[in-house]
């Protein structure tokens, strides 16, 4: 009987270690670089430096929905061909960077975007971060608490200023594949303040509950499902407790 118990304990330990190794979380960049992108789909080919884009500074002013729904930016880096011609016609970056709403597309401003280096000014980053609720993850800012406190008021719509989030507040409890892991909780309301329904449904998640195939952690770590945002711009996957509130971290 003791031998059987010992074997079971060894098997359980081996399984736990295997899972931990299998779900190796990717290393995170410094807080001031989390969410930063260097866009080079067409720049280098046109003889220009790659474009630096900071999610950190833009999300202070606009919700994700403005760029990734209204302006048509793909959720994956490099999938959208952003040209100078399109920008000058008011598409993509040019929808805001028109010389009125934000600095425009003229020779005097080229170097503000075409930096060739993805790094925000540390002094500016530090000054902004100190004014907002802290978090140990991502940029070091708790963006949900920041929004709740009214410390920022990012636009929900560029073209319809009166439009507001629909307020759908259904919370889903999603069972994990492993019995030792408590369910994940998904709050539509908190996500709906930043995103449009179309950002997730139906391409990323099926609209019907429990009908999304292969919705597993290993695929999330590959950038699918929740991994479209989390681990890149939204809070990283290191923060287990936010999604799995019942989990006990050691």
Protein backbone atom coordinates (compact mmCIF):
# COMPACT_ATOMS: atom_id res chain seq x y z
CA UNK A 1 0.00 0.00 0.00
CA UNK A 2 2.84 2.37 0.90
CA UNK A 3 4.61 1.48 -2.32
CA UNK A 4 1.52 2.31 -4.36
CA UNK A 5 1.14 5.65 -2.59
CA UNK A 6 4.80 6.47 -3.27
CA UNK A 7 4.38 5.63 -6.95
CA UNK A 8 1.30 7.85 -7.19
CA UNK A 9 3.14 10.75 -5.52
CA UNK A 10 6.06 10.36 -7.93
CA UNK A 11 3.72 10.30 -10.91
CA UNK A 12 1.91 13.41 -9.66
CA UNK A 13 5.21 15.23 -9.14
CA UNK A 14 6.44 14.23 -12.59
CA UNK A 15 3.21 15.39 -14.19
CA UNK A 16 3.38 18.74 -12.36
CA UNK A 17 6.98 19.33 -13.42
CA UNK A 18 6.20 18.35 -17.00
CA UNK A 19 3.31 20.80 -17.14
CA UNK A 20 5.44 23.60 -15.70
CA UNK A 21 8.11 22.94 -18.30
CA UNK A 22 5.55 22.62 -21.07
CA UNK A 23 4.01 25.96 -20.23
CA UNK A 24 7.25 27.89 -20.15
CA UNK A 25 6.27 31.53 -20.14
CA UNK A 26 8.17 33.83 -22.49
CA UNK A 27 10.50 36.43 -20.94
CA UNK A 28 9.03 39.90 -20.58
CA UNK A 29 10.70 43.09 -21.87
CA UNK A 30 11.41 46.05 -19.56
CA UNK A 31 8.28 47.89 -18.48
CA UNK A 32 9.02 50.91 -20.65
CA UNK A 33 9.17 48.67 -23.75
CA UNK A 34 6.17 46.43 -23.10
CA UNK A 35 3.78 46.69 -26.05
CA UNK A 36 6.23 48.64 -28.20
CA UNK A 37 6.42 47.69 -31.87
CA UNK A 38 8.91 48.29 -34.64
CA UNK A 39 6.98 48.22 -37.91
CA UNK A 40 8.97 47.40 -41.02
CA UNK A 41 6.70 45.81 -43.58
CA UNK A 42 7.45 48.50 -46.18
CA UNK A 43 9.76 51.09 -44.56
CA UNK A 44 13.19 49.58 -45.21
CA UNK A 45 12.20 48.59 -48.72
CA UNK A 46 11.33 52.24 -49.36
CA UNK A 47 14.66 53.44 -47.96
CA UNK A 48 13.21 54.62 -44.64
CA UNK A 49 13.88 53.61 -41.04
CA UNK A 50 11.31 51.28 -39.45
CA UNK A 51 8.43 52.93 -37.59
CA UNK A 52 8.30 52.90 -33.80
CA UNK A 53 4.79 52.53 -32.37
CA UNK A 54 4.07 52.78 -28.65
CA UNK A 55 0.85 51.18 -27.42
CA UNK A 56 1.58 52.77 -24.06
CA UNK A 57 1.24 56.37 -25.25
CA UNK A 58 -1.63 55.70 -27.65
CA UNK A 59 -3.83 53.84 -25.17
CA UNK A 60 -3.80 56.93 -22.96
CA UNK A 61 -5.89 58.63 -25.67
CA UNK A 62 -7.69 55.88 -27.59
CA UNK A 63 -9.23 52.50 -26.94
CA UNK A 64 -7.99 49.46 -28.84
CA UNK A 65 -11.26 49.57 -30.77
CA UNK A 66 -10.35 52.81 -32.57
CA UNK A 67 -7.31 51.31 -34.29
CA UNK A 68 -8.21 47.64 -34.49
CA UNK A 69 -11.82 48.06 -35.55
CA UNK A 70 -12.53 51.49 -37.00
CA UNK A 71 -9.15 52.05 -38.69
CA UNK A 72 -8.63 48.47 -39.81
CA UNK A 73 -5.26 47.66 -38.22
CA UNK A 74 -4.78 43.89 -37.99
CA UNK A 75 -4.26 42.44 -34.54
CA UNK A 76 -1.01 40.78 -35.60
CA UNK A 77 2.11 42.80 -36.25
CA UNK A 78 3.09 43.07 -39.91
CA UNK A 79 -0.25 41.98 -41.39
CA UNK A 80 -1.38 45.51 -42.31
CA UNK A 81 0.42 47.21 -45.18
CA UNK A 82 0.61 50.82 -44.02
CA UNK A 83 1.93 53.08 -46.76
CA UNK A 84 2.68 56.79 -46.82
CA UNK A 85 0.12 57.22 -49.59
CA UNK A 86 -2.60 55.61 -47.49
CA UNK A 87 -1.67 57.75 -44.49
CA UNK A 88 -1.86 60.94 -46.54
CA UNK A 89 -5.33 59.90 -47.69
CA UNK A 90 -6.51 59.72 -44.09
CA UNK A 91 -6.24 55.99 -43.59
CA UNK A 92 -4.48 54.14 -40.75
CA UNK A 93 -2.15 56.54 -38.87
CA UNK A 94 -3.33 59.38 -41.12
CA UNK A 95 -6.81 59.27 -39.59
CA UNK A 96 -5.39 61.07 -36.55
CA UNK A 97 -2.01 62.31 -37.75
CA UNK A 98 -3.42 64.93 -40.08
CA UNK A 99 -1.73 68.03 -38.71
CA UNK A 100 -4.82 68.97 -36.72
CA UNK A 101 -5.67 66.17 -34.34
CA UNK A 102 -2.03 65.05 -34.09
CA UNK A 103 1.18 66.00 -35.88
CA UNK A 104 0.89 65.47 -39.62
CA UNK A 105 2.79 63.73 -42.39
CA UNK A 106 5.38 66.23 -43.50
CA UNK A 107 9.17 66.20 -43.71
CA UNK A 108 9.61 67.95 -40.41
CA UNK A 109 7.95 65.09 -38.57
CA UNK A 110 9.32 62.01 -40.36
CA UNK A 111 11.84 61.21 -37.63
CA UNK A 112 9.17 61.23 -34.93
CA UNK A 113 7.88 57.88 -36.19
CA UNK A 114 10.67 56.55 -38.42
CA UNK A 115 13.13 56.18 -35.55
CA UNK A 116 14.45 52.70 -36.31
CA UNK A 117 14.40 51.97 -32.58
CA UNK A 118 11.54 50.78 -30.39
CA UNK A 119 11.95 52.61 -27.13
CA UNK A 120 9.91 55.30 -25.42
CA UNK A 121 11.66 58.13 -23.59
CA UNK A 122 12.34 56.87 -20.06
CA UNK A 123 11.69 60.22 -18.38
CA UNK A 124 8.29 60.60 -20.06
CA UNK A 125 7.39 57.01 -19.27
CA UNK A 126 8.34 57.38 -15.62
CA UNK A 127 6.38 60.61 -15.17
CA UNK A 128 3.20 59.09 -16.61
CA UNK A 129 3.52 55.78 -14.76
CA UNK A 130 3.91 57.49 -11.37
CA UNK A 131 0.49 59.10 -11.79
CA UNK A 132 -1.37 55.83 -12.45
CA UNK A 133 -2.21 52.77 -10.31
CA UNK A 134 0.72 50.35 -10.23
CA UNK A 135 0.88 46.74 -11.36
CA UNK A 136 3.75 44.23 -11.29
CA UNK A 137 2.97 43.24 -14.87
CA UNK A 138 3.37 44.66 -18.35
CA UNK A 139 3.99 48.41 -18.32
CA UNK A 140 3.76 48.44 -14.53
CA UNK A 141 0.31 50.05 -14.76
CA UNK A 142 -3.04 48.60 -13.76
CA UNK A 143 -5.04 49.83 -16.77
CA UNK A 144 -8.40 48.60 -15.48
CA UNK A 145 -8.05 50.52 -12.22
CA UNK A 146 -6.79 53.53 -14.19
CA UNK A 147 -9.95 53.50 -16.28
CA UNK A 148 -12.20 52.88 -13.25
CA UNK A 149 -10.69 55.88 -11.47
CA UNK A 150 -11.30 58.15 -14.45
CA UNK A 151 -7.60 58.99 -14.68
CA UNK A 152 -7.75 58.52 -18.45
CA UNK A 153 -10.66 58.84 -20.88
CA UNK A 154 -9.62 57.09 -24.10
CA UNK A 155 -11.91 57.57 -27.08
CA UNK A 156 -14.24 54.70 -27.77
CA UNK A 157 -14.96 55.90 -31.31
CA UNK A 158 -13.05 58.21 -33.62
CA UNK A 159 -15.97 58.78 -35.99
CA UNK A 160 -18.92 58.73 -33.56
CA UNK A 161 -17.90 60.62 -30.39
CA UNK A 162 -21.26 59.95 -28.76
CA UNK A 163 -20.89 56.19 -29.04
CA UNK A 164 -20.26 54.32 -25.80
CA UNK A 165 -19.56 50.68 -24.90
CA UNK A 166 -22.71 48.59 -24.96
CA UNK A 167 -22.29 47.63 -21.30
CA UNK A 168 -22.69 43.89 -21.80
CA UNK A 169 -21.66 42.60 -18.38
CA UNK A 170 -21.93 38.82 -18.64
CA UNK A 171 -19.15 36.98 -16.83
CA UNK A 172 -18.16 33.56 -18.11
CA UNK A 173 -16.63 30.81 -16.00
CA UNK A 174 -14.39 28.66 -18.18
CA UNK A 175 -13.33 25.28 -16.86
CA UNK A 176 -9.65 24.44 -17.20
CA UNK A 177 -8.51 21.19 -18.79
CA UNK A 178 -6.57 20.26 -15.67
CA UNK A 179 -8.46 19.37 -12.52
CA UNK A 180 -5.85 21.13 -10.34
CA UNK A 181 -6.36 24.49 -12.07
CA UNK A 182 -9.41 26.56 -11.03
CA UNK A 183 -11.70 27.99 -13.73
CA UNK A 184 -10.83 31.11 -15.66
CA UNK A 185 -13.25 34.01 -15.41
CA UNK A 186 -13.90 36.21 -18.42
CA UNK A 187 -15.57 39.57 -17.86
CA UNK A 188 -17.20 40.99 -20.99
CA UNK A 189 -17.69 44.41 -19.43
CA UNK A 190 -14.02 45.10 -18.70
CA UNK A 191 -12.99 43.95 -22.18
CA UNK A 192 -15.85 45.80 -23.87
CA UNK A 193 -14.58 49.14 -22.58
CA UNK A 194 -11.50 48.74 -24.79
CA UNK A 195 -12.65 46.49 -27.61
CA UNK A 196 -15.46 45.94 -30.07
CA UNK A 197 -17.32 42.62 -30.15
CA UNK A 198 -15.90 42.11 -33.65
CA UNK A 199 -12.36 42.09 -32.33
CA UNK A 200 -13.05 38.71 -30.75
CA UNK A 201 -16.12 37.29 -32.46
CA UNK A 202 -16.33 35.23 -34.58
CA UNK A 203 -12.72 35.02 -35.84
CA UNK A 204 -10.91 34.54 -32.52
CA UNK A 205 -13.70 33.00 -30.45
CA UNK A 206 -16.90 31.32 -31.53
CA UNK A 207 -19.93 33.36 -30.45
CA UNK A 208 -21.43 30.31 -28.73
CA UNK A 209 -20.06 29.26 -25.36
CA UNK A 210 -17.91 26.11 -25.26
CA UNK A 211 -17.76 25.76 -29.05
CA UNK A 212 -14.29 27.24 -29.65
CA UNK A 213 -12.06 24.34 -30.63
CA UNK A 214 -8.54 23.98 -29.20
CA UNK A 215 -9.02 26.75 -26.64
CA UNK A 216 -6.05 25.65 -24.54
CA UNK A 217 -3.17 27.30 -22.74
CA UNK A 218 -0.55 25.95 -25.11
CA UNK A 219 -2.24 27.70 -28.02
CA UNK A 220 -2.71 30.90 -26.03
CA UNK A 221 1.05 30.93 -25.49
CA UNK A 222 1.44 30.69 -29.27
CA UNK A 223 -0.48 33.95 -29.66
CA UNK A 224 -3.91 32.48 -30.34
CA UNK A 225 -7.19 33.22 -28.54
CA UNK A 226 -6.41 35.35 -25.45
CA UNK A 227 -2.81 35.42 -26.66
CA UNK A 228 -3.76 37.80 -29.48
CA UNK A 229 -3.51 40.57 -26.88
CA UNK A 230 -2.27 39.11 -23.61
CA UNK A 231 1.47 38.76 -23.54
CA UNK A 232 1.92 41.47 -26.17
CA UNK A 233 -0.01 44.59 -25.10
CA UNK A 234 -2.60 43.55 -22.51
CA UNK A 235 -1.41 42.09 -19.20
CA UNK A 236 1.04 39.22 -19.73
CA UNK A 237 0.25 35.58 -19.08
CA UNK A 238 2.50 35.62 -16.02
CA UNK A 239 -0.45 37.17 -14.16
CA UNK A 240 -2.30 33.91 -13.53
CA UNK A 241 -4.57 35.25 -10.77
CA UNK A 242 -6.40 37.87 -12.82
CA UNK A 243 -7.87 35.21 -15.12
CA UNK A 244 -7.82 32.27 -12.68
CA UNK A 245 -8.81 34.08 -9.44
CA UNK A 246 -8.93 30.84 -7.47
CA UNK A 247 -5.38 29.81 -8.23
CA UNK A 248 -2.81 29.76 -5.43
CA UNK A 249 0.57 31.14 -6.43
CA UNK A 250 3.62 29.93 -4.51
